[in-house]
Protein backbone atom coordinates (compact mmCIF):
# COMPACT_ATOMS: atom_id res chain seq x y z
CA MET A 1 128.32 53.51 120.30
CA LYS A 2 125.11 53.72 119.06
CA LYS A 3 126.49 57.87 117.90
CA ILE A 4 128.99 56.19 116.09
CA ILE A 5 126.94 53.68 114.08
CA ILE A 6 125.19 56.58 113.03
CA VAL A 7 127.57 58.33 111.88
CA LEU A 8 129.16 55.65 109.95
CA THR A 9 126.19 54.60 108.48
CA VAL A 10 125.67 58.48 107.50
CA LEU A 11 128.96 58.37 105.87
CA VAL A 12 128.69 55.16 104.23
CA SER A 13 125.51 56.58 102.55
CA THR A 14 127.62 59.17 101.46
CA ILE A 15 129.98 58.34 99.91
CA THR A 16 127.63 55.52 97.67
CA PHE A 17 125.58 58.19 96.87
CA ALA A 18 128.20 60.27 95.34
CA GLN A 19 130.27 57.51 93.40
CA ASN A 20 126.82 57.22 91.58
CA LYS A 21 127.36 60.37 90.01
CA ASN A 22 129.11 59.14 86.67
CA GLU A 23 126.53 57.63 84.11
CA LYS A 24 127.64 55.40 81.03
CA ALA A 25 126.34 55.65 77.90
CA SER A 26 126.74 54.72 73.72
CA LEU A 27 124.87 56.50 71.08
CA GLU A 28 125.36 55.90 67.13
CA VAL A 29 126.94 58.73 65.70
CA ASP A 30 127.68 59.04 62.06
CA GLY A 31 131.14 59.43 60.41
CA VAL A 32 133.47 58.21 58.38
CA CYS A 33 137.03 58.86 58.86
CA LEU A 34 140.28 59.47 61.82
CA MET A 35 138.52 63.11 61.50
CA CYS A 36 135.39 63.00 62.34
CA LYS A 37 136.96 60.63 65.38
CA SER A 38 139.08 63.52 66.74
CA ARG A 39 135.73 66.05 65.83
CA ILE A 40 133.19 64.18 67.54
CA GLU A 41 135.45 63.54 71.15
CA LYS A 42 136.66 66.97 70.82
CA ALA A 43 132.77 68.36 70.78
CA CYS A 44 132.09 66.07 74.02
CA PHE A 45 135.13 66.96 75.71
CA GLY A 46 133.74 70.52 75.32
CA THR A 47 130.69 69.37 77.13
CA LYS A 48 131.00 70.48 80.80
CA GLY A 49 130.80 67.27 82.70
CA VAL A 50 132.03 64.82 80.00
CA LYS A 51 134.87 62.72 81.62
CA SER A 52 135.07 59.51 78.62
CA ALA A 53 134.39 59.74 75.02
CA VAL A 54 135.68 57.16 72.73
CA TRP A 55 134.36 56.78 69.03
CA ASP A 56 134.85 53.66 66.62
CA VAL A 57 135.18 54.48 63.66
CA LYS A 58 133.77 51.10 62.11
CA THR A 59 130.82 50.78 64.66
CA HIS A 60 130.10 54.58 64.77
CA GLU A 61 129.24 53.77 68.40
CA LEU A 62 131.02 56.76 70.82
CA LYS A 63 131.45 55.29 74.57
CA LEU A 64 130.60 58.09 76.81
CA ILE A 65 131.32 58.07 80.16
CA TYR A 66 129.24 61.86 81.69
CA ASP A 67 128.80 63.39 85.20
CA ALA A 68 125.05 63.14 84.99
CA ARG A 69 124.82 66.21 87.50
CA LYS A 70 126.53 68.42 84.98
CA THR A 71 125.26 66.74 81.35
CA ASN A 72 122.64 64.77 79.73
CA LEU A 73 122.81 62.68 76.65
CA LYS A 74 120.79 65.07 74.83
CA THR A 75 123.58 67.94 75.63
CA ILE A 76 126.26 66.16 74.44
CA GLN A 77 123.95 65.26 71.45
CA LYS A 78 123.91 68.80 70.35
CA SER A 79 127.30 69.47 70.61
CA VAL A 80 128.43 66.35 68.45
CA ALA A 81 125.40 67.81 66.32
CA ALA A 82 127.30 71.20 66.13
CA VAL A 83 129.99 70.10 64.76
CA GLY A 84 128.44 68.56 61.84
CA HIS A 85 127.73 64.60 63.32
CA ASP A 86 124.25 63.27 63.23
CA THR A 87 123.16 60.83 66.07
CA LYS A 88 119.79 58.68 66.01
CA GLY A 89 118.14 61.38 68.47
CA LEU A 90 119.45 65.00 66.51
CA LYS A 91 120.62 65.45 62.90
CA ALA A 92 122.84 68.15 62.20
CA THR A 93 122.18 71.39 60.85
CA ASP A 94 122.67 71.54 57.11
CA GLU A 95 125.06 74.89 57.98
CA ALA A 96 127.40 72.38 60.84
CA TYR A 97 127.12 69.55 57.89
CA ASN A 98 128.73 71.73 55.30
CA SER A 99 131.76 72.80 57.70
CA VAL A 100 133.15 69.51 57.71
CA HIS A 101 135.96 68.80 55.91
CA PRO A 102 135.16 67.51 52.22
CA CYS A 103 136.52 63.96 52.97
CA CYS A 104 134.07 63.87 55.95
CA LYS A 105 130.64 63.86 53.71
CA TYR A 106 129.20 60.70 55.45
CA ARG A 107 126.05 61.55 54.15
CA ASP A 108 127.41 61.31 50.54
CA GLU A 109 127.92 57.47 49.45
CA VAL A 110 130.13 57.77 47.13
CA VAL A 111 132.87 59.19 50.22
CA LYS A 112 130.94 56.43 52.18
CA ASP A 113 132.45 53.83 49.23
CA ASP A 114 136.27 55.64 49.44
CA HIS A 115 136.15 54.95 53.31
CA LYS A 116 135.41 51.58 53.33
CA GLU A 117 138.30 48.99 53.25
């Protein structure tokens, strides 16, 4: 009986630990439109370990669920910056930013004004 209790305790501990691999986080990511949304989310999903990525056009909030054993926020920010979008923690290079569609130039005040409702 004692062995059964020990085995069950170890099993429950292992299952509980395995369930804690997923992390939730949110980041502010610059962008202005649905093309930006698609590009940002695609960059996140291209990062190994990202399970969910949803970017809100109005709030600029990127909500993430990722496997912390496979990736981290810094790696995800690098993926987003590589496709031309700034985060609070990492700015896209000029080369990456210049690769986005002209309608997506979120650093340009005229473009930002054009996307306001």
